[in-house]
N, C-alpha and C. Protein backbone atom coordinates (compact mmCIF):
# COMPACT_ATOMS: atom_id res chain seq x y z
N MET A 1 -4.59 -7.92 13.46
CA MET A 1 -5.13 -8.99 12.67
C MET A 1 -5.74 -8.38 11.41
N ILE A 2 -5.45 -8.98 10.26
CA ILE A 2 -6.02 -8.53 9.01
C ILE A 2 -7.39 -9.17 8.87
N GLN A 3 -8.43 -8.35 8.86
CA GLN A 3 -9.79 -8.87 8.79
C GLN A 3 -10.29 -8.95 7.36
N GLN A 4 -9.85 -8.05 6.50
CA GLN A 4 -10.26 -8.08 5.11
C GLN A 4 -9.15 -7.50 4.27
N CYS A 5 -8.89 -8.11 3.13
CA CYS A 5 -7.91 -7.59 2.18
C CYS A 5 -8.25 -8.21 0.84
N GLU A 6 -8.96 -7.47 0.00
CA GLU A 6 -9.39 -8.05 -1.26
C GLU A 6 -9.64 -6.98 -2.30
N VAL A 7 -9.53 -7.41 -3.55
CA VAL A 7 -9.91 -6.58 -4.68
C VAL A 7 -11.24 -7.10 -5.18
N ILE A 8 -12.23 -6.23 -5.24
CA ILE A 8 -13.57 -6.62 -5.66
C ILE A 8 -13.82 -6.05 -7.06
N PRO A 9 -14.02 -6.92 -8.06
CA PRO A 9 -14.30 -6.42 -9.41
C PRO A 9 -15.63 -5.65 -9.45
N VAL A 10 -15.61 -4.49 -10.08
CA VAL A 10 -16.82 -3.70 -10.26
C VAL A 10 -17.28 -3.82 -11.71
N THR A 11 -16.34 -3.62 -12.63
CA THR A 11 -16.56 -3.85 -14.06
C THR A 11 -15.31 -4.56 -14.58
N LYS A 12 -15.23 -4.75 -15.90
CA LYS A 12 -14.08 -5.44 -16.47
C LYS A 12 -12.77 -4.71 -16.17
N GLU A 13 -12.79 -3.39 -16.16
CA GLU A 13 -11.56 -2.63 -15.95
C GLU A 13 -11.56 -1.82 -14.65
N LYS A 14 -12.56 -1.95 -13.85
CA LYS A 14 -12.64 -1.18 -12.61
C LYS A 14 -12.76 -2.13 -11.43
N ALA A 15 -12.04 -1.83 -10.36
CA ALA A 15 -12.07 -2.67 -9.16
C ALA A 15 -12.03 -1.79 -7.92
N SER A 16 -12.46 -2.36 -6.82
CA SER A 16 -12.45 -1.68 -5.52
C SER A 16 -11.51 -2.45 -4.59
N LEU A 17 -10.58 -1.73 -3.97
CA LEU A 17 -9.65 -2.34 -3.02
C LEU A 17 -10.16 -2.10 -1.61
N ASN A 18 -10.26 -3.16 -0.82
CA ASN A 18 -10.70 -3.06 0.57
C ASN A 18 -9.68 -3.72 1.48
N VAL A 19 -9.19 -2.97 2.46
CA VAL A 19 -8.27 -3.51 3.46
C VAL A 19 -8.75 -3.05 4.83
N VAL A 20 -8.95 -4.01 5.74
CA VAL A 20 -9.34 -3.70 7.12
C VAL A 20 -8.38 -4.43 8.04
N VAL A 21 -7.71 -3.67 8.90
CA VAL A 21 -6.77 -4.25 9.86
C VAL A 21 -7.21 -3.84 11.26
N LYS A 22 -7.34 -4.82 12.16
CA LYS A 22 -7.67 -4.53 13.55
C LYS A 22 -6.41 -4.75 14.38
N PHE A 23 -5.94 -3.68 15.01
CA PHE A 23 -4.73 -3.75 15.81
C PHE A 23 -5.08 -4.07 17.25
N HIS A 24 -4.52 -5.17 17.77
CA HIS A 24 -4.71 -5.52 19.18
C HIS A 24 -3.71 -4.77 20.05
N ASN A 25 -2.61 -4.33 19.44
CA ASN A 25 -1.60 -3.52 20.10
C ASN A 25 -1.49 -2.20 19.35
N THR A 26 -1.04 -1.16 20.03
CA THR A 26 -0.84 0.13 19.38
C THR A 26 0.37 0.04 18.46
N VAL A 27 0.21 0.53 17.24
CA VAL A 27 1.27 0.51 16.24
C VAL A 27 2.02 1.83 16.31
N GLN A 28 3.33 1.74 16.52
CA GLN A 28 4.16 2.94 16.58
C GLN A 28 4.88 3.20 15.26
N HIS A 29 4.98 2.18 14.41
CA HIS A 29 5.71 2.32 13.14
C HIS A 29 4.97 1.59 12.03
N GLY A 30 4.94 2.20 10.86
CA GLY A 30 4.42 1.57 9.67
C GLY A 30 5.42 1.77 8.55
N PHE A 31 6.08 0.70 8.14
CA PHE A 31 7.10 0.80 7.11
C PHE A 31 6.53 0.44 5.75
N TYR A 32 6.88 1.20 4.75
CA TYR A 32 6.44 0.95 3.39
C TYR A 32 7.66 0.67 2.53
N ASP A 33 7.52 -0.26 1.62
CA ASP A 33 8.52 -0.49 0.59
C ASP A 33 7.78 -0.53 -0.73
N ILE A 34 8.21 0.27 -1.67
CA ILE A 34 7.62 0.25 -3.00
C ILE A 34 8.70 -0.19 -3.96
N ALA A 35 8.44 -1.30 -4.65
CA ALA A 35 9.42 -1.85 -5.59
C ALA A 35 8.82 -1.82 -6.99
N ILE A 36 9.69 -1.76 -7.97
CA ILE A 36 9.25 -1.70 -9.36
C ILE A 36 9.96 -2.78 -10.16
N LYS A 37 9.26 -3.39 -11.10
CA LYS A 37 9.85 -4.39 -11.99
C LYS A 37 9.58 -3.95 -13.42
N ILE A 38 10.65 -3.60 -14.12
CA ILE A 38 10.52 -3.18 -15.51
C ILE A 38 10.97 -4.32 -16.43
N THR A 39 11.98 -5.05 -16.02
CA THR A 39 12.48 -6.17 -16.80
C THR A 39 12.23 -7.47 -16.05
N ARG A 40 12.73 -8.56 -16.56
CA ARG A 40 12.54 -9.86 -15.92
C ARG A 40 13.48 -10.09 -14.74
N ARG A 41 14.27 -9.12 -14.37
CA ARG A 41 15.26 -9.30 -13.31
C ARG A 41 14.66 -9.24 -11.91
N GLY A 42 13.38 -9.07 -11.80
CA GLY A 42 12.76 -9.03 -10.48
C GLY A 42 12.50 -7.62 -10.01
N TYR A 43 11.90 -7.54 -8.83
CA TYR A 43 11.53 -6.25 -8.26
C TYR A 43 12.73 -5.59 -7.61
N ARG A 44 12.86 -4.29 -7.80
CA ARG A 44 13.91 -3.48 -7.18
C ARG A 44 13.23 -2.35 -6.41
N SER A 45 13.64 -2.16 -5.17
CA SER A 45 13.04 -1.10 -4.36
C SER A 45 13.39 0.26 -4.93
N ILE A 46 12.41 1.16 -4.93
CA ILE A 46 12.68 2.54 -5.36
C ILE A 46 12.76 3.47 -4.15
N MET A 47 12.69 2.90 -2.96
CA MET A 47 12.79 3.67 -1.73
C MET A 47 14.26 3.72 -1.31
N SER A 48 14.72 4.86 -0.82
CA SER A 48 16.08 4.92 -0.31
C SER A 48 16.14 4.15 1.00
N GLY A 49 17.03 3.18 1.09
CA GLY A 49 17.13 2.36 2.28
C GLY A 49 16.10 1.25 2.31
N ASN A 50 15.43 0.98 1.21
CA ASN A 50 14.42 -0.07 1.04
C ASN A 50 13.10 0.21 1.73
N TYR A 51 13.10 0.69 2.95
CA TYR A 51 11.85 0.92 3.67
C TYR A 51 11.78 2.36 4.13
N VAL A 52 10.58 2.91 4.13
CA VAL A 52 10.35 4.25 4.66
C VAL A 52 9.37 4.13 5.81
N ASP A 53 9.71 4.74 6.94
CA ASP A 53 8.79 4.76 8.08
C ASP A 53 7.69 5.76 7.75
N MET A 54 6.54 5.23 7.39
CA MET A 54 5.41 6.06 6.96
C MET A 54 4.97 7.01 8.07
N CYS A 55 5.08 6.58 9.31
CA CYS A 55 4.68 7.44 10.43
C CYS A 55 5.55 8.68 10.49
N LYS A 56 6.86 8.51 10.31
CA LYS A 56 7.77 9.66 10.33
C LYS A 56 7.56 10.52 9.09
N TYR A 57 7.26 9.90 7.96
CA TYR A 57 6.98 10.65 6.75
C TYR A 57 5.73 11.51 6.92
N LEU A 58 4.67 10.92 7.46
CA LEU A 58 3.41 11.65 7.62
C LEU A 58 3.47 12.74 8.67
N ASP A 59 4.37 12.60 9.68
CA ASP A 59 4.47 13.67 10.67
C ASP A 59 5.53 14.71 10.27
N GLY A 60 6.17 14.51 9.10
CA GLY A 60 7.11 15.49 8.58
C GLY A 60 8.53 15.33 9.07
N THR A 61 8.83 14.29 9.85
CA THR A 61 10.18 14.07 10.38
C THR A 61 11.16 13.71 9.27
N ILE A 62 10.70 12.94 8.27
CA ILE A 62 11.55 12.58 7.14
C ILE A 62 10.82 12.90 5.84
N THR A 63 11.59 12.98 4.75
CA THR A 63 11.01 13.19 3.43
C THR A 63 11.49 12.07 2.51
N ASN A 64 10.73 11.80 1.47
CA ASN A 64 11.11 10.80 0.48
C ASN A 64 10.45 11.18 -0.84
N ALA A 65 11.25 11.46 -1.86
CA ALA A 65 10.72 11.94 -3.14
C ALA A 65 9.82 10.90 -3.81
N ALA A 66 10.22 9.63 -3.78
CA ALA A 66 9.42 8.58 -4.43
C ALA A 66 8.06 8.45 -3.74
N LEU A 67 8.04 8.50 -2.42
CA LEU A 67 6.79 8.38 -1.69
C LEU A 67 5.90 9.61 -1.91
N THR A 68 6.50 10.78 -1.94
CA THR A 68 5.73 12.00 -2.21
C THR A 68 5.08 11.93 -3.59
N TYR A 69 5.85 11.50 -4.58
CA TYR A 69 5.31 11.37 -5.94
C TYR A 69 4.15 10.37 -5.97
N GLY A 70 4.37 9.19 -5.39
CA GLY A 70 3.34 8.15 -5.39
C GLY A 70 2.09 8.57 -4.64
N LEU A 71 2.26 9.16 -3.47
CA LEU A 71 1.09 9.59 -2.69
C LEU A 71 0.32 10.71 -3.38
N ASN A 72 1.01 11.59 -4.07
CA ASN A 72 0.31 12.64 -4.80
C ASN A 72 -0.57 12.06 -5.90
N LEU A 73 -0.17 10.90 -6.44
CA LEU A 73 -0.96 10.26 -7.48
C LEU A 73 -2.20 9.56 -6.93
N VAL A 74 -2.11 9.02 -5.71
CA VAL A 74 -3.20 8.18 -5.20
C VAL A 74 -3.89 8.72 -3.95
N ARG A 75 -3.41 9.79 -3.38
CA ARG A 75 -3.94 10.30 -2.11
C ARG A 75 -5.46 10.52 -2.15
N LYS A 76 -5.96 11.04 -3.24
CA LYS A 76 -7.40 11.34 -3.33
C LYS A 76 -8.26 10.08 -3.33
N LYS A 77 -7.66 8.92 -3.55
CA LYS A 77 -8.41 7.66 -3.56
C LYS A 77 -8.61 7.09 -2.16
N PHE A 78 -7.84 7.56 -1.18
CA PHE A 78 -7.94 7.03 0.18
C PHE A 78 -9.02 7.75 0.98
N PRO A 79 -9.73 7.02 1.84
CA PRO A 79 -10.73 7.67 2.70
C PRO A 79 -10.08 8.74 3.58
N LYS A 80 -10.81 9.83 3.83
CA LYS A 80 -10.29 10.91 4.67
C LYS A 80 -9.94 10.39 6.05
N GLY A 81 -8.82 10.85 6.58
CA GLY A 81 -8.41 10.49 7.92
C GLY A 81 -7.60 9.22 8.04
N THR A 82 -7.40 8.48 6.93
CA THR A 82 -6.66 7.22 7.04
C THR A 82 -5.15 7.41 6.94
N LEU A 83 -4.71 8.44 6.26
CA LEU A 83 -3.28 8.70 6.13
C LEU A 83 -2.87 9.74 7.17
N HIS A 84 -2.57 9.27 8.36
CA HIS A 84 -2.17 10.17 9.44
C HIS A 84 -0.96 9.58 10.16
N PRO A 85 -0.20 10.42 10.89
CA PRO A 85 0.96 9.91 11.63
C PRO A 85 0.55 8.91 12.70
N CYS A 86 1.49 8.09 13.12
CA CYS A 86 1.25 7.12 14.19
C CYS A 86 1.03 7.88 15.49
N PRO A 87 0.45 7.24 16.47
CA PRO A 87 0.17 5.80 16.53
C PRO A 87 -1.16 5.44 15.88
N TYR A 88 -1.24 4.18 15.46
CA TYR A 88 -2.49 3.59 14.98
C TYR A 88 -2.98 2.64 16.06
N ALA A 89 -4.24 2.69 16.36
CA ALA A 89 -4.83 1.78 17.35
C ALA A 89 -6.24 1.46 16.89
N GLY A 90 -6.74 0.33 17.34
CA GLY A 90 -8.09 -0.06 16.96
C GLY A 90 -8.14 -0.59 15.55
N THR A 91 -9.13 -0.15 14.78
CA THR A 91 -9.34 -0.66 13.43
C THR A 91 -8.97 0.40 12.40
N LEU A 92 -8.19 0.00 11.42
CA LEU A 92 -7.79 0.86 10.31
C LEU A 92 -8.48 0.32 9.06
N GLU A 93 -9.28 1.16 8.41
CA GLU A 93 -10.05 0.71 7.25
C GLU A 93 -9.70 1.53 6.02
N PHE A 94 -9.31 0.84 4.98
CA PHE A 94 -9.16 1.41 3.65
C PHE A 94 -10.21 0.69 2.80
N LYS A 95 -11.38 1.29 2.66
CA LYS A 95 -12.48 0.61 1.96
C LYS A 95 -12.92 1.39 0.73
N ASN A 96 -13.31 0.61 -0.26
CA ASN A 96 -13.85 1.16 -1.51
C ASN A 96 -12.90 2.12 -2.20
N ILE A 97 -11.62 1.76 -2.22
CA ILE A 97 -10.64 2.53 -2.96
C ILE A 97 -10.78 2.10 -4.42
N MET A 98 -11.31 2.97 -5.24
CA MET A 98 -11.62 2.63 -6.63
C MET A 98 -10.36 2.68 -7.49
N LEU A 99 -10.15 1.63 -8.23
CA LEU A 99 -9.03 1.53 -9.16
C LEU A 99 -9.64 1.52 -10.56
N ASP A 100 -9.50 2.65 -11.26
CA ASP A 100 -10.16 2.80 -12.55
C ASP A 100 -9.18 3.36 -13.57
N PRO A 101 -8.71 2.53 -14.52
CA PRO A 101 -7.73 3.02 -15.49
C PRO A 101 -8.29 4.07 -16.44
N SER A 102 -9.59 4.17 -16.56
CA SER A 102 -10.16 5.12 -17.51
C SER A 102 -10.14 6.56 -17.00
N GLU A 103 -9.83 6.75 -15.72
CA GLU A 103 -9.79 8.11 -15.18
C GLU A 103 -8.77 8.97 -15.90
N GLY A 104 -7.62 8.40 -16.16
CA GLY A 104 -6.59 9.13 -16.89
C GLY A 104 -5.92 10.22 -16.09
N LYS A 105 -6.27 10.41 -14.83
CA LYS A 105 -5.67 11.46 -14.02
C LYS A 105 -4.45 10.96 -13.27
N THR A 106 -4.45 9.69 -12.92
CA THR A 106 -3.34 9.12 -12.17
C THR A 106 -2.36 8.51 -13.16
N LYS A 107 -1.15 9.04 -13.22
CA LYS A 107 -0.16 8.59 -14.19
C LYS A 107 0.97 7.85 -13.49
N PHE A 108 1.17 6.60 -13.89
CA PHE A 108 2.25 5.78 -13.38
C PHE A 108 3.15 5.38 -14.54
N PRO A 109 4.46 5.39 -14.36
CA PRO A 109 5.33 4.83 -15.40
C PRO A 109 4.96 3.36 -15.62
N ALA A 110 4.92 2.93 -16.88
CA ALA A 110 4.53 1.55 -17.21
C ALA A 110 5.52 0.57 -16.59
N ALA A 111 5.02 -0.31 -15.75
CA ALA A 111 5.84 -1.32 -15.07
C ALA A 111 4.94 -2.15 -14.18
N SER A 112 5.54 -3.13 -13.52
CA SER A 112 4.86 -3.86 -12.44
C SER A 112 5.34 -3.27 -11.13
N TYR A 113 4.44 -3.11 -10.18
CA TYR A 113 4.77 -2.52 -8.89
C TYR A 113 4.43 -3.49 -7.77
N ARG A 114 5.24 -3.48 -6.72
CA ARG A 114 4.96 -4.25 -5.52
C ARG A 114 5.01 -3.27 -4.35
N VAL A 115 3.94 -3.25 -3.56
CA VAL A 115 3.89 -2.39 -2.38
C VAL A 115 3.76 -3.28 -1.16
N MET A 116 4.65 -3.10 -0.20
CA MET A 116 4.58 -3.85 1.05
C MET A 116 4.41 -2.87 2.19
N ILE A 117 3.45 -3.15 3.05
CA ILE A 117 3.19 -2.33 4.22
C ILE A 117 3.37 -3.22 5.44
N LYS A 118 4.25 -2.82 6.36
CA LYS A 118 4.53 -3.61 7.55
C LYS A 118 4.31 -2.74 8.78
N PHE A 119 3.42 -3.17 9.66
CA PHE A 119 3.12 -2.45 10.89
C PHE A 119 3.82 -3.15 12.05
N HIS A 120 4.46 -2.36 12.94
CA HIS A 120 5.10 -2.97 14.10
C HIS A 120 5.27 -1.96 15.22
N ASN A 121 5.67 -2.46 16.39
CA ASN A 121 6.02 -1.61 17.52
C ASN A 121 7.22 -2.22 18.22
N ALA A 122 7.63 -1.68 19.36
CA ALA A 122 8.83 -2.15 20.04
C ALA A 122 8.71 -3.60 20.52
N GLU A 123 7.51 -4.04 20.85
CA GLU A 123 7.31 -5.39 21.37
C GLU A 123 7.10 -6.43 20.27
N ASP A 124 6.62 -6.03 19.13
CA ASP A 124 6.24 -6.97 18.08
C ASP A 124 6.74 -6.44 16.73
N GLU A 125 7.68 -7.17 16.12
CA GLU A 125 8.27 -6.71 14.86
C GLU A 125 7.35 -6.88 13.66
N ASN A 126 6.29 -7.67 13.81
CA ASN A 126 5.40 -7.89 12.67
C ASN A 126 3.96 -8.03 13.15
N ILE A 127 3.34 -6.91 13.45
CA ILE A 127 1.93 -6.94 13.84
C ILE A 127 1.09 -7.34 12.64
N ALA A 128 1.38 -6.78 11.48
CA ALA A 128 0.69 -7.15 10.24
C ALA A 128 1.54 -6.73 9.06
N THR A 129 1.55 -7.55 8.02
CA THR A 129 2.24 -7.24 6.77
C THR A 129 1.28 -7.48 5.62
N ILE A 130 1.15 -6.50 4.75
CA ILE A 130 0.29 -6.62 3.58
C ILE A 130 1.15 -6.34 2.35
N THR A 131 1.07 -7.21 1.36
CA THR A 131 1.80 -7.03 0.11
C THR A 131 0.81 -7.11 -1.04
N PHE A 132 0.88 -6.16 -1.96
CA PHE A 132 0.06 -6.29 -3.15
C PHE A 132 0.86 -5.88 -4.38
N LEU A 133 0.44 -6.41 -5.52
CA LEU A 133 1.10 -6.17 -6.79
C LEU A 133 0.14 -5.44 -7.71
N SER A 134 0.68 -4.60 -8.57
CA SER A 134 -0.15 -3.92 -9.56
C SER A 134 0.62 -3.78 -10.85
N ILE A 135 -0.10 -3.59 -11.93
CA ILE A 135 0.49 -3.43 -13.25
C ILE A 135 0.00 -2.11 -13.83
N ALA A 136 0.92 -1.31 -14.34
CA ALA A 136 0.57 -0.06 -15.01
C ALA A 136 1.00 -0.17 -16.47
N LYS A 137 0.08 0.15 -17.38
CA LYS A 137 0.38 0.20 -18.81
C LYS A 137 -0.14 1.53 -19.32
N ASP A 138 0.54 2.08 -20.29
CA ASP A 138 0.11 3.36 -20.87
C ASP A 138 -0.11 4.41 -19.79
N GLN A 139 0.67 4.36 -18.74
CA GLN A 139 0.67 5.31 -17.63
C GLN A 139 -0.59 5.25 -16.76
N ASN A 140 -1.45 4.25 -16.94
CA ASN A 140 -2.63 4.10 -16.10
C ASN A 140 -2.51 2.83 -15.29
N LEU A 141 -2.99 2.86 -14.08
CA LEU A 141 -2.97 1.69 -13.21
C LEU A 141 -4.08 0.76 -13.68
N TYR A 142 -3.70 -0.38 -14.27
CA TYR A 142 -4.68 -1.27 -14.88
C TYR A 142 -5.14 -2.39 -13.97
N GLN A 143 -4.27 -2.97 -13.21
CA GLN A 143 -4.65 -4.14 -12.43
C GLN A 143 -4.01 -4.07 -11.05
N VAL A 144 -4.73 -4.56 -10.10
CA VAL A 144 -4.13 -4.88 -8.81
C VAL A 144 -4.47 -6.33 -8.60
N HIS A 145 -3.47 -7.14 -8.32
CA HIS A 145 -3.73 -8.56 -8.19
C HIS A 145 -2.88 -9.16 -7.09
N ASP A 146 -3.16 -10.39 -6.80
CA ASP A 146 -2.47 -11.16 -5.77
C ASP A 146 -2.71 -10.62 -4.38
N VAL A 147 -3.71 -9.79 -4.21
CA VAL A 147 -4.08 -9.38 -2.87
C VAL A 147 -4.87 -10.53 -2.26
N MET A 148 -4.57 -10.90 -1.07
CA MET A 148 -5.25 -11.93 -0.29
C MET A 148 -4.91 -13.36 -0.69
N THR A 149 -3.92 -13.56 -1.54
CA THR A 149 -3.47 -14.93 -1.71
C THR A 149 -2.60 -15.25 -0.51
N PRO A 150 -2.46 -16.53 -0.14
CA PRO A 150 -1.73 -16.85 1.09
C PRO A 150 -0.32 -16.26 1.16
N HIS A 151 0.37 -16.15 0.03
CA HIS A 151 1.71 -15.60 0.07
C HIS A 151 1.73 -14.08 0.07
N SER A 152 0.60 -13.44 -0.11
CA SER A 152 0.56 -11.99 -0.18
C SER A 152 0.22 -11.31 1.13
N VAL A 153 -0.46 -12.00 2.01
CA VAL A 153 -0.83 -11.42 3.29
C VAL A 153 -0.26 -12.28 4.39
N THR A 154 0.49 -11.68 5.27
CA THR A 154 1.10 -12.41 6.37
C THR A 154 0.42 -12.02 7.66
N ILE A 155 -0.11 -13.00 8.36
CA ILE A 155 -0.69 -12.76 9.68
C ILE A 155 0.21 -13.47 10.68
N PRO A 156 0.93 -12.73 11.53
CA PRO A 156 1.87 -13.37 12.46
C PRO A 156 1.15 -14.24 13.48
N ASP A 157 1.90 -15.22 14.00
CA ASP A 157 1.34 -16.12 15.03
C ASP A 157 1.01 -15.38 16.31
């Protein structure tokens, strides 16, 4: 169950991303899809095969150049211990992830990005799905939006 998923404004250009998910079942797989929109033609996945099993990526079973590049840009923003191989059980918290375009250290190609995270196991194909959108201009991550709107967070029945 997704307990919290929101962007909290800190200043005009700085925000804090908070996501808290409580798993009632043990999660064996976490799939990520990162899509990019440069033109008006919609989002196109930059992941090979559309989805990457994050658990297999984090335990070293598979590699993905796009995910390695992206994680190297944002890894330092995540709380210690949150990016680990499966299984996930209990509560997973990504709190106070600061999004600050003035840092200038995190460089993203200018575009709109969509990140979807889907957690599941053998018994349940959709334990939780979180989707968020962000905009990068001048190679800095400027906005994260549409987090926690009804169409952005899916809580299965």
